[in-house]
N, C-alpha and C. Protein backbone atom coordinates (compact mmCIF):
# COMPACT_ATOMS: atom_id res chain seq x y z
N MET A 1 -61.20 -80.98 175.06
CA MET A 1 -62.36 -80.12 174.89
C MET A 1 -62.74 -79.96 173.42
N SER A 2 -61.75 -79.69 172.58
CA SER A 2 -62.07 -79.44 171.18
C SER A 2 -62.60 -80.68 170.48
N ALA A 3 -62.25 -81.85 170.92
CA ALA A 3 -62.74 -83.08 170.31
C ALA A 3 -64.24 -83.23 170.51
N CYS A 4 -64.77 -82.71 171.58
CA CYS A 4 -66.21 -82.81 171.84
C CYS A 4 -67.03 -81.93 170.93
N SER A 5 -66.46 -80.87 170.43
CA SER A 5 -67.24 -79.91 169.65
C SER A 5 -67.15 -80.12 168.15
N THR A 6 -66.39 -81.10 167.69
CA THR A 6 -66.28 -81.33 166.25
C THR A 6 -67.00 -82.61 165.86
N MET A 7 -67.43 -82.65 164.62
CA MET A 7 -68.07 -83.85 164.09
C MET A 7 -67.10 -84.58 163.19
N ASN A 8 -67.22 -85.88 163.14
CA ASN A 8 -66.44 -86.64 162.18
C ASN A 8 -66.92 -86.29 160.78
N ASN A 9 -66.06 -86.42 159.81
CA ASN A 9 -66.46 -86.17 158.43
C ASN A 9 -67.54 -87.14 157.98
N ASP A 10 -67.56 -88.33 158.58
CA ASP A 10 -68.57 -89.32 158.22
C ASP A 10 -69.96 -88.96 158.73
N GLU A 11 -70.03 -88.08 159.74
CA GLU A 11 -71.31 -87.72 160.34
C GLU A 11 -71.79 -86.38 159.77
N ALA A 12 -72.42 -86.42 158.64
CA ALA A 12 -72.95 -85.19 158.04
C ALA A 12 -74.25 -84.82 158.73
N ALA A 13 -74.47 -83.54 158.87
CA ALA A 13 -75.72 -83.07 159.47
C ALA A 13 -76.87 -83.38 158.53
N PRO A 14 -78.03 -83.78 159.07
CA PRO A 14 -79.16 -84.08 158.19
C PRO A 14 -79.61 -82.82 157.44
N GLU A 15 -80.04 -83.02 156.21
CA GLU A 15 -80.48 -81.89 155.39
C GLU A 15 -81.78 -81.34 155.93
N LYS A 16 -81.87 -80.02 155.98
CA LYS A 16 -83.10 -79.36 156.43
C LYS A 16 -83.85 -78.85 155.21
N TYR A 17 -85.15 -79.01 155.23
CA TYR A 17 -85.97 -78.56 154.11
C TYR A 17 -86.76 -77.35 154.55
N SER A 18 -86.73 -76.33 153.74
CA SER A 18 -87.44 -75.09 154.06
C SER A 18 -88.90 -75.21 153.66
N ASP A 19 -89.75 -74.54 154.42
CA ASP A 19 -91.16 -74.47 154.05
C ASP A 19 -91.29 -73.77 152.71
N LEU A 20 -92.30 -74.16 151.95
CA LEU A 20 -92.54 -73.53 150.66
C LEU A 20 -93.23 -72.19 150.86
N HIS A 21 -92.87 -71.23 150.01
CA HIS A 21 -93.49 -69.91 150.04
C HIS A 21 -93.90 -69.51 148.64
N PHE A 22 -94.90 -68.64 148.57
CA PHE A 22 -95.48 -68.23 147.29
C PHE A 22 -95.51 -66.71 147.16
N ASP A 23 -94.77 -66.02 148.01
CA ASP A 23 -94.78 -64.56 148.00
C ASP A 23 -93.99 -63.96 146.83
N ASN A 24 -93.39 -64.81 146.01
CA ASN A 24 -92.71 -64.32 144.81
C ASN A 24 -93.70 -64.11 143.66
N LYS A 25 -94.95 -64.54 143.85
CA LYS A 25 -95.99 -64.35 142.84
C LYS A 25 -96.93 -63.24 143.28
N LYS A 26 -97.54 -62.61 142.31
CA LYS A 26 -98.48 -61.53 142.59
C LYS A 26 -99.71 -62.12 143.31
N PRO A 27 -100.13 -61.49 144.42
CA PRO A 27 -101.32 -61.97 145.11
C PRO A 27 -102.58 -61.80 144.26
N ILE A 28 -103.52 -62.67 144.47
CA ILE A 28 -104.83 -62.58 143.81
C ILE A 28 -105.70 -61.72 144.73
N GLU A 29 -106.07 -60.54 144.25
CA GLU A 29 -106.82 -59.59 145.07
C GLU A 29 -108.31 -59.86 144.94
N LEU A 30 -108.90 -60.32 146.04
CA LEU A 30 -110.32 -60.63 146.06
C LEU A 30 -111.09 -59.49 146.71
N THR A 31 -112.24 -59.16 146.14
CA THR A 31 -113.07 -58.08 146.68
C THR A 31 -113.94 -58.63 147.81
N VAL A 32 -113.26 -58.97 148.89
CA VAL A 32 -113.91 -59.51 150.09
C VAL A 32 -113.38 -58.76 151.30
N LYS A 33 -114.14 -58.85 152.38
CA LYS A 33 -113.76 -58.18 153.62
C LYS A 33 -112.58 -58.90 154.29
N LYS A 34 -112.65 -60.24 154.30
CA LYS A 34 -111.56 -61.01 154.89
C LYS A 34 -111.52 -62.41 154.30
N ILE A 35 -110.41 -63.07 154.56
CA ILE A 35 -110.20 -64.44 154.09
C ILE A 35 -110.00 -65.32 155.31
N LYS A 36 -110.87 -66.31 155.45
CA LYS A 36 -110.76 -67.28 156.55
C LYS A 36 -110.10 -68.54 156.01
N VAL A 37 -109.03 -68.96 156.66
CA VAL A 37 -108.33 -70.17 156.28
C VAL A 37 -108.59 -71.21 157.37
N LYS A 38 -109.13 -72.36 156.96
CA LYS A 38 -109.36 -73.41 157.95
C LYS A 38 -109.12 -74.77 157.33
N SER A 39 -108.89 -75.72 158.20
CA SER A 39 -108.63 -77.08 157.74
C SER A 39 -109.64 -78.03 158.36
N GLU A 40 -110.22 -78.86 157.51
CA GLU A 40 -111.10 -79.93 157.97
C GLU A 40 -110.38 -81.28 157.96
N PHE A 41 -109.09 -81.24 157.65
CA PHE A 41 -108.28 -82.45 157.57
C PHE A 41 -107.72 -82.79 158.95
N SER A 42 -107.85 -84.05 159.34
CA SER A 42 -107.30 -84.52 160.61
C SER A 42 -106.37 -85.70 160.33
N PRO A 43 -105.07 -85.51 160.51
CA PRO A 43 -104.16 -86.63 160.28
C PRO A 43 -104.39 -87.74 161.29
N SER A 44 -104.23 -88.99 160.85
CA SER A 44 -104.47 -90.13 161.74
C SER A 44 -103.22 -90.57 162.48
N PHE A 45 -102.04 -90.23 161.98
CA PHE A 45 -100.76 -90.62 162.56
C PHE A 45 -100.57 -92.13 162.62
N THR A 46 -101.32 -92.86 161.81
CA THR A 46 -101.16 -94.31 161.73
C THR A 46 -101.10 -94.73 160.27
N ARG A 47 -100.32 -95.75 160.00
CA ARG A 47 -100.19 -96.25 158.63
C ARG A 47 -101.51 -96.82 158.18
N PRO A 48 -101.85 -96.65 156.94
CA PRO A 48 -101.01 -96.30 155.80
C PRO A 48 -100.76 -94.81 155.64
N ASN A 49 -101.36 -93.95 156.48
CA ASN A 49 -101.12 -92.51 156.37
C ASN A 49 -99.75 -92.17 156.95
N VAL A 50 -98.96 -91.42 156.17
CA VAL A 50 -97.59 -91.08 156.58
C VAL A 50 -97.28 -89.60 156.40
N GLU A 51 -98.29 -88.75 156.24
CA GLU A 51 -98.04 -87.32 156.01
C GLU A 51 -97.25 -86.69 157.15
N HIS A 52 -97.37 -87.23 158.35
CA HIS A 52 -96.66 -86.69 159.50
C HIS A 52 -95.15 -86.96 159.44
N LEU A 53 -94.71 -87.85 158.57
CA LEU A 53 -93.29 -88.15 158.41
C LEU A 53 -92.60 -87.22 157.42
N PHE A 54 -93.37 -86.52 156.62
CA PHE A 54 -92.80 -85.67 155.57
C PHE A 54 -92.10 -84.46 156.18
N PRO A 55 -90.95 -84.06 155.59
CA PRO A 55 -90.23 -82.90 156.14
C PRO A 55 -90.96 -81.58 155.95
N ILE A 56 -91.89 -81.53 154.98
CA ILE A 56 -92.71 -80.33 154.76
C ILE A 56 -94.17 -80.77 154.81
N SER A 57 -94.95 -80.13 155.65
CA SER A 57 -96.36 -80.47 155.81
C SER A 57 -97.19 -79.93 154.65
N ILE A 58 -97.98 -80.80 154.04
CA ILE A 58 -98.86 -80.38 152.95
C ILE A 58 -99.94 -79.44 153.49
N GLU A 59 -100.49 -79.76 154.64
CA GLU A 59 -101.54 -78.92 155.23
C GLU A 59 -101.01 -77.52 155.56
N LYS A 60 -99.86 -77.46 156.19
CA LYS A 60 -99.27 -76.15 156.54
C LYS A 60 -98.92 -75.36 155.28
N THR A 61 -98.43 -76.04 154.25
CA THR A 61 -98.09 -75.37 153.00
C THR A 61 -99.34 -74.82 152.32
N ALA A 62 -100.45 -75.54 152.40
CA ALA A 62 -101.70 -75.04 151.83
C ALA A 62 -102.14 -73.76 152.56
N LYS A 63 -101.98 -73.73 153.87
CA LYS A 63 -102.32 -72.51 154.63
C LYS A 63 -101.40 -71.36 154.22
N THR A 64 -100.13 -71.65 154.03
CA THR A 64 -99.17 -70.64 153.58
C THR A 64 -99.57 -70.12 152.21
N TRP A 65 -100.00 -71.01 151.32
CA TRP A 65 -100.43 -70.60 149.98
C TRP A 65 -101.57 -69.58 150.10
N ALA A 66 -102.56 -69.89 150.92
CA ALA A 66 -103.71 -68.98 151.08
C ALA A 66 -103.27 -67.64 151.66
N ASP A 67 -102.38 -67.66 152.64
CA ASP A 67 -101.91 -66.42 153.26
C ASP A 67 -101.12 -65.55 152.29
N GLU A 68 -100.35 -66.18 151.40
CA GLU A 68 -99.47 -65.41 150.53
C GLU A 68 -100.04 -65.14 149.14
N ARG A 69 -100.99 -65.95 148.67
CA ARG A 69 -101.53 -65.75 147.32
C ARG A 69 -102.87 -65.04 147.31
N LEU A 70 -103.64 -65.10 148.40
CA LEU A 70 -104.96 -64.47 148.45
C LEU A 70 -104.90 -63.21 149.29
N ASP A 71 -105.52 -62.15 148.78
CA ASP A 71 -105.49 -60.86 149.47
C ASP A 71 -106.90 -60.27 149.49
N ALA A 72 -107.41 -59.95 150.68
CA ALA A 72 -108.72 -59.29 150.82
C ALA A 72 -108.52 -57.79 150.62
N VAL A 73 -109.31 -57.19 149.67
CA VAL A 73 -109.07 -55.78 149.34
C VAL A 73 -110.33 -54.92 149.37
N ASP A 74 -111.47 -55.46 149.84
CA ASP A 74 -112.71 -54.66 149.87
C ASP A 74 -113.30 -54.74 151.27
N PHE A 75 -112.77 -53.89 152.16
CA PHE A 75 -113.16 -53.96 153.56
C PHE A 75 -114.54 -53.38 153.83
N SER A 76 -115.17 -52.76 152.85
CA SER A 76 -116.52 -52.21 153.03
C SER A 76 -117.60 -53.24 152.65
N SER A 77 -117.21 -54.37 152.07
CA SER A 77 -118.20 -55.36 151.65
C SER A 77 -118.52 -56.32 152.80
N ASP A 78 -119.59 -57.09 152.62
CA ASP A 78 -119.96 -58.12 153.59
C ASP A 78 -119.40 -59.49 153.19
N ARG A 79 -118.76 -59.54 152.04
CA ARG A 79 -118.28 -60.83 151.52
C ARG A 79 -117.07 -61.33 152.31
N VAL A 80 -117.05 -62.67 152.46
CA VAL A 80 -115.94 -63.35 153.12
C VAL A 80 -115.51 -64.51 152.22
N ALA A 81 -114.22 -64.68 152.07
CA ALA A 81 -113.70 -65.84 151.33
C ALA A 81 -113.27 -66.89 152.35
N GLU A 82 -113.69 -68.12 152.11
CA GLU A 82 -113.32 -69.23 152.98
C GLU A 82 -112.43 -70.18 152.19
N PHE A 83 -111.22 -70.37 152.66
CA PHE A 83 -110.27 -71.30 152.07
C PHE A 83 -110.26 -72.53 152.97
N ILE A 84 -110.81 -73.63 152.48
CA ILE A 84 -111.03 -74.81 153.33
C ILE A 84 -110.20 -75.99 152.80
N ILE A 85 -109.30 -76.47 153.64
CA ILE A 85 -108.49 -77.64 153.29
C ILE A 85 -109.28 -78.88 153.65
N LYS A 86 -109.68 -79.64 152.65
CA LYS A 86 -110.48 -80.85 152.86
C LYS A 86 -109.60 -82.08 153.10
N ASP A 87 -108.48 -82.15 152.39
CA ASP A 87 -107.59 -83.31 152.49
C ASP A 87 -106.16 -82.87 152.24
N ALA A 88 -105.24 -83.37 153.03
CA ALA A 88 -103.81 -83.10 152.84
C ALA A 88 -103.04 -84.36 153.25
N SER A 89 -103.47 -85.48 152.74
CA SER A 89 -102.96 -86.78 153.20
C SER A 89 -101.89 -87.35 152.28
N VAL A 90 -101.11 -88.24 152.86
CA VAL A 90 -100.15 -89.04 152.11
C VAL A 90 -100.29 -90.47 152.62
N THR A 91 -100.46 -91.41 151.69
CA THR A 91 -100.53 -92.81 152.07
C THR A 91 -99.33 -93.56 151.51
N GLU A 92 -98.97 -94.62 152.20
CA GLU A 92 -97.86 -95.47 151.80
C GLU A 92 -98.39 -96.88 151.60
N LYS A 93 -97.94 -97.51 150.52
CA LYS A 93 -98.38 -98.87 150.21
C LYS A 93 -97.17 -99.68 149.74
N GLU A 94 -97.02 -100.86 150.28
CA GLU A 94 -95.93 -101.73 149.86
C GLU A 94 -96.37 -102.52 148.64
N GLU A 95 -95.51 -102.52 147.62
CA GLU A 95 -95.80 -103.28 146.41
C GLU A 95 -94.75 -104.38 146.26
N LYS A 96 -95.21 -105.61 146.23
CA LYS A 96 -94.31 -106.76 146.07
C LYS A 96 -93.86 -106.84 144.62
N SER A 97 -92.59 -107.11 144.44
CA SER A 97 -92.05 -107.25 143.09
C SER A 97 -92.51 -108.57 142.50
N GLU A 98 -92.86 -108.54 141.24
CA GLU A 98 -93.28 -109.76 140.56
C GLU A 98 -92.10 -110.46 139.91
N GLN A 99 -90.96 -109.78 139.85
CA GLN A 99 -89.77 -110.37 139.25
C GLN A 99 -88.79 -110.77 140.34
N LEU A 100 -88.11 -111.84 140.12
CA LEU A 100 -87.26 -112.46 141.13
C LEU A 100 -86.15 -111.56 141.65
N LEU A 101 -85.45 -110.86 140.80
CA LEU A 101 -84.29 -110.08 141.23
C LEU A 101 -84.60 -108.60 141.48
N GLN A 102 -85.84 -108.20 141.40
CA GLN A 102 -86.20 -106.81 141.70
C GLN A 102 -86.66 -106.68 143.15
N LYS A 103 -86.35 -105.52 143.73
CA LYS A 103 -86.73 -105.27 145.12
C LYS A 103 -88.20 -104.87 145.20
N ASP A 104 -88.79 -105.15 146.36
CA ASP A 104 -90.12 -104.63 146.63
C ASP A 104 -90.04 -103.11 146.67
N ARG A 105 -91.17 -102.45 146.47
CA ARG A 105 -91.20 -100.99 146.41
C ARG A 105 -92.23 -100.43 147.39
N LEU A 106 -92.01 -99.17 147.73
CA LEU A 106 -92.99 -98.41 148.49
C LEU A 106 -93.60 -97.39 147.55
N LYS A 107 -94.92 -97.31 147.56
CA LYS A 107 -95.62 -96.35 146.71
C LYS A 107 -96.31 -95.33 147.62
N TYR A 108 -96.06 -94.04 147.32
CA TYR A 108 -96.65 -92.95 148.09
C TYR A 108 -97.65 -92.21 147.22
N HIS A 109 -98.77 -91.87 147.82
CA HIS A 109 -99.82 -91.11 147.12
C HIS A 109 -100.15 -89.89 148.00
N ALA A 110 -99.81 -88.69 147.50
CA ALA A 110 -100.10 -87.44 148.20
C ALA A 110 -101.34 -86.82 147.58
N ASN A 111 -102.25 -86.37 148.42
CA ASN A 111 -103.50 -85.78 147.94
C ASN A 111 -103.75 -84.45 148.63
N LEU A 112 -104.13 -83.45 147.84
CA LEU A 112 -104.50 -82.14 148.38
C LEU A 112 -105.83 -81.75 147.77
N SER A 113 -106.81 -81.50 148.62
CA SER A 113 -108.13 -81.09 148.16
C SER A 113 -108.51 -79.82 148.91
N VAL A 114 -108.81 -78.76 148.14
CA VAL A 114 -109.10 -77.45 148.73
C VAL A 114 -110.34 -76.86 148.07
N LEU A 115 -111.17 -76.22 148.89
CA LEU A 115 -112.35 -75.51 148.42
C LEU A 115 -112.17 -74.03 148.76
N LEU A 116 -112.41 -73.17 147.78
CA LEU A 116 -112.41 -71.72 148.01
C LEU A 116 -113.81 -71.23 147.71
N ARG A 117 -114.43 -70.65 148.74
CA ARG A 117 -115.82 -70.20 148.63
C ARG A 117 -115.90 -68.73 149.03
N VAL A 118 -116.66 -67.95 148.25
CA VAL A 118 -116.92 -66.55 148.58
C VAL A 118 -118.41 -66.46 148.92
N VAL A 119 -118.71 -65.94 150.12
CA VAL A 119 -120.10 -65.86 150.57
C VAL A 119 -120.41 -64.45 151.07
N ASP A 120 -121.67 -64.05 150.87
CA ASP A 120 -122.20 -62.86 151.51
C ASP A 120 -123.63 -63.20 151.91
N ASN A 121 -124.38 -62.22 152.35
CA ASN A 121 -125.74 -62.52 152.83
C ASN A 121 -126.72 -62.81 151.71
N LYS A 122 -126.34 -62.63 150.45
CA LYS A 122 -127.25 -62.86 149.33
C LYS A 122 -126.87 -64.04 148.45
N SER A 123 -125.58 -64.30 148.31
CA SER A 123 -125.16 -65.32 147.36
C SER A 123 -123.83 -65.94 147.77
N SER A 124 -123.44 -66.95 147.01
CA SER A 124 -122.12 -67.56 147.21
C SER A 124 -121.64 -68.15 145.89
N ALA A 125 -120.35 -68.31 145.81
CA ALA A 125 -119.71 -68.94 144.65
C ALA A 125 -118.50 -69.70 145.17
N GLN A 126 -118.13 -70.75 144.46
CA GLN A 126 -117.00 -71.53 144.94
C GLN A 126 -116.28 -72.22 143.80
N THR A 127 -115.06 -72.61 144.09
CA THR A 127 -114.27 -73.44 143.19
C THR A 127 -113.43 -74.36 144.06
N SER A 128 -112.99 -75.45 143.49
CA SER A 128 -112.16 -76.38 144.24
C SER A 128 -111.09 -76.97 143.33
N VAL A 129 -110.05 -77.46 143.98
CA VAL A 129 -108.97 -78.13 143.26
C VAL A 129 -108.58 -79.37 144.05
N GLU A 130 -108.43 -80.46 143.32
CA GLU A 130 -107.88 -81.68 143.90
C GLU A 130 -106.61 -82.00 143.13
N ALA A 131 -105.50 -81.96 143.83
CA ALA A 131 -104.21 -82.24 143.21
C ALA A 131 -103.61 -83.47 143.89
N TYR A 132 -102.88 -84.27 143.11
CA TYR A 132 -102.22 -85.43 143.72
C TYR A 132 -100.91 -85.71 143.00
N ARG A 133 -100.06 -86.42 143.68
CA ARG A 133 -98.80 -86.89 143.12
C ARG A 133 -98.55 -88.29 143.66
N GLU A 134 -97.91 -89.11 142.84
CA GLU A 134 -97.52 -90.45 143.26
C GLU A 134 -96.02 -90.62 143.07
N LEU A 135 -95.45 -91.46 143.91
CA LEU A 135 -94.01 -91.68 143.92
C LEU A 135 -93.75 -93.11 144.36
N SER A 136 -92.85 -93.79 143.68
CA SER A 136 -92.43 -95.13 144.08
C SER A 136 -90.93 -95.14 144.29
N MET A 137 -90.48 -95.93 145.25
CA MET A 137 -89.05 -96.07 145.52
C MET A 137 -88.79 -97.46 146.10
N PRO A 138 -87.55 -97.94 145.98
CA PRO A 138 -87.22 -99.25 146.57
C PRO A 138 -87.50 -99.26 148.06
N ILE A 139 -87.92 -100.39 148.57
CA ILE A 139 -88.33 -100.50 149.97
C ILE A 139 -87.18 -100.22 150.94
N ASP A 140 -85.94 -100.43 150.50
CA ASP A 140 -84.79 -100.23 151.38
C ASP A 140 -84.15 -98.85 151.23
N THR A 141 -84.86 -97.89 150.66
CA THR A 141 -84.33 -96.52 150.52
C THR A 141 -84.10 -95.92 151.90
N ASN A 142 -82.93 -95.30 152.09
CA ASN A 142 -82.62 -94.73 153.41
C ASN A 142 -83.46 -93.47 153.65
N ILE A 143 -83.54 -93.06 154.91
CA ILE A 143 -84.44 -91.97 155.29
C ILE A 143 -84.03 -90.64 154.67
N GLU A 144 -82.73 -90.40 154.51
CA GLU A 144 -82.30 -89.14 153.89
C GLU A 144 -82.80 -89.04 152.45
N ASP A 145 -82.70 -90.14 151.71
CA ASP A 145 -83.18 -90.14 150.33
C ASP A 145 -84.69 -90.05 150.27
N LYS A 146 -85.37 -90.74 151.20
CA LYS A 146 -86.84 -90.65 151.25
C LYS A 146 -87.27 -89.20 151.44
N GLU A 147 -86.65 -88.51 152.40
CA GLU A 147 -87.03 -87.13 152.67
C GLU A 147 -86.78 -86.24 151.45
N LYS A 148 -85.68 -86.49 150.74
CA LYS A 148 -85.40 -85.72 149.53
C LYS A 148 -86.49 -85.95 148.48
N TYR A 149 -86.88 -87.20 148.25
CA TYR A 149 -87.93 -87.52 147.28
C TYR A 149 -89.29 -86.99 147.73
N TRP A 150 -89.58 -87.10 149.03
CA TRP A 150 -90.84 -86.59 149.56
C TRP A 150 -90.92 -85.07 149.37
N ASN A 151 -89.81 -84.38 149.64
CA ASN A 151 -89.78 -82.93 149.47
C ASN A 151 -90.06 -82.56 148.01
N GLU A 152 -89.40 -83.24 147.08
CA GLU A 152 -89.63 -82.98 145.66
C GLU A 152 -91.08 -83.25 145.28
N MET A 153 -91.67 -84.27 145.89
CA MET A 153 -93.07 -84.62 145.63
C MET A 153 -93.99 -83.48 146.06
N VAL A 154 -93.75 -82.90 147.24
CA VAL A 154 -94.57 -81.81 147.75
C VAL A 154 -94.40 -80.56 146.88
N VAL A 155 -93.17 -80.27 146.45
CA VAL A 155 -92.93 -79.11 145.59
C VAL A 155 -93.72 -79.26 144.29
N LYS A 156 -93.67 -80.43 143.67
CA LYS A 156 -94.40 -80.66 142.42
C LYS A 156 -95.91 -80.61 142.65
N LEU A 157 -96.37 -81.12 143.78
CA LEU A 157 -97.79 -81.07 144.11
C LEU A 157 -98.27 -79.61 144.17
N PHE A 158 -97.49 -78.74 144.82
CA PHE A 158 -97.91 -77.35 144.96
C PHE A 158 -97.70 -76.54 143.69
N ASN A 159 -96.77 -76.92 142.86
CA ASN A 159 -96.67 -76.26 141.55
C ASN A 159 -97.95 -76.49 140.75
N ALA A 160 -98.44 -77.73 140.76
CA ALA A 160 -99.69 -78.04 140.05
C ALA A 160 -100.88 -77.37 140.72
N PHE A 161 -100.94 -77.43 142.05
CA PHE A 161 -102.04 -76.82 142.79
C PHE A 161 -102.12 -75.32 142.52
N ASP A 162 -100.98 -74.64 142.62
CA ASP A 162 -100.93 -73.18 142.42
C ASP A 162 -101.46 -72.81 141.03
N GLU A 163 -101.01 -73.51 140.03
CA GLU A 163 -101.44 -73.22 138.66
C GLU A 163 -102.94 -73.44 138.49
N HIS A 164 -103.46 -74.56 138.98
CA HIS A 164 -104.87 -74.88 138.79
C HIS A 164 -105.80 -74.01 139.65
N MET A 165 -105.38 -73.71 140.88
CA MET A 165 -106.24 -72.88 141.73
C MET A 165 -106.32 -71.47 141.18
N GLU A 166 -105.20 -70.90 140.73
CA GLU A 166 -105.25 -69.56 140.16
C GLU A 166 -106.14 -69.54 138.91
N MET A 167 -106.00 -70.56 138.06
CA MET A 167 -106.82 -70.65 136.86
C MET A 167 -108.31 -70.76 137.22
N ASN A 168 -108.64 -71.58 138.22
CA ASN A 168 -110.03 -71.73 138.64
C ASN A 168 -110.60 -70.45 139.24
N ILE A 169 -109.80 -69.74 140.00
CA ILE A 169 -110.27 -68.48 140.59
C ILE A 169 -110.62 -67.49 139.48
N HIS A 170 -109.73 -67.38 138.48
CA HIS A 170 -109.99 -66.45 137.38
C HIS A 170 -111.16 -66.90 136.51
N LYS A 171 -111.43 -68.19 136.48
CA LYS A 171 -112.54 -68.69 135.66
C LYS A 171 -113.87 -68.67 136.40
N TYR A 172 -113.89 -69.15 137.65
CA TYR A 172 -115.16 -69.34 138.36
C TYR A 172 -115.46 -68.29 139.42
N LEU A 173 -114.47 -67.57 139.87
CA LEU A 173 -114.70 -66.52 140.88
C LEU A 173 -114.28 -65.16 140.34
N ASN A 174 -114.29 -65.02 139.01
CA ASN A 174 -113.79 -63.79 138.39
C ASN A 174 -114.54 -62.54 138.82
N MET A 175 -115.80 -62.66 139.21
CA MET A 175 -116.55 -61.48 139.63
C MET A 175 -116.10 -60.94 140.98
N TYR A 176 -115.22 -61.71 141.67
CA TYR A 176 -114.69 -61.27 142.97
C TYR A 176 -113.22 -60.88 142.89
N ILE A 177 -112.68 -60.74 141.70
CA ILE A 177 -111.29 -60.32 141.53
C ILE A 177 -111.26 -58.82 141.29
N LYS A 178 -110.43 -58.12 142.04
CA LYS A 178 -110.32 -56.67 141.92
C LYS A 178 -109.94 -56.29 140.49
N GLY A 179 -110.66 -55.30 139.95
CA GLY A 179 -110.37 -54.80 138.61
C GLY A 179 -110.99 -55.60 137.49
N ASN A 180 -111.66 -56.68 137.81
CA ASN A 180 -112.30 -57.47 136.76
C ASN A 180 -113.65 -56.86 136.42
N ASN A 181 -113.90 -56.61 135.17
CA ASN A 181 -115.16 -55.98 134.75
C ASN A 181 -116.08 -56.92 134.01
N THR A 182 -115.70 -58.16 133.86
CA THR A 182 -116.56 -59.11 133.15
C THR A 182 -117.03 -60.19 134.10
N ILE A 183 -118.24 -60.63 133.86
CA ILE A 183 -118.80 -61.74 134.65
C ILE A 183 -119.18 -62.84 133.66
N THR A 184 -118.61 -63.99 133.88
CA THR A 184 -118.88 -65.13 133.01
C THR A 184 -120.20 -65.75 133.41
N GLU A 185 -121.06 -66.02 132.44
CA GLU A 185 -122.32 -66.71 132.73
C GLU A 185 -122.18 -68.17 132.36
N TYR A 186 -122.79 -69.02 133.15
CA TYR A 186 -122.72 -70.46 132.92
C TYR A 186 -124.08 -71.02 132.62
């Protein structure tokens, strides 16, 4: 009986990757009634697109970012913020080695494109961010190592996205940030 419940030392459990969270940062308080999060991205589930193989979904992480970083704080207004995911894709491309003793490589390109728009019955304003990361690895990399590299790629993608989206909100949507008293003219 006990032999059935134990694993060999050679059989390590696969590593689990946790979803990314952004609740350790101060939320951006928008003077809107509510925030609508939606995705216009549709994964194809066919190569060269491989986002469905990643241990952490870029699309789901973008939704988590909006839920944890954006906060609606003016329930008496007619304004609504729309957080729209335009692209959350990852493509894979095989690159043949030009040198005799080097292995062929797989190149991954992750892309995240998001639009944040604030609308009311009189006006609208918007900002967008397009973030990407690229990664290359030998074609014979095992799946555990691929998942580790893919996870690191997504973490770096969202570090860049978080920084640029917050900067864009403060620059282009500053009139909708709670406590902001200046309006930038363009």
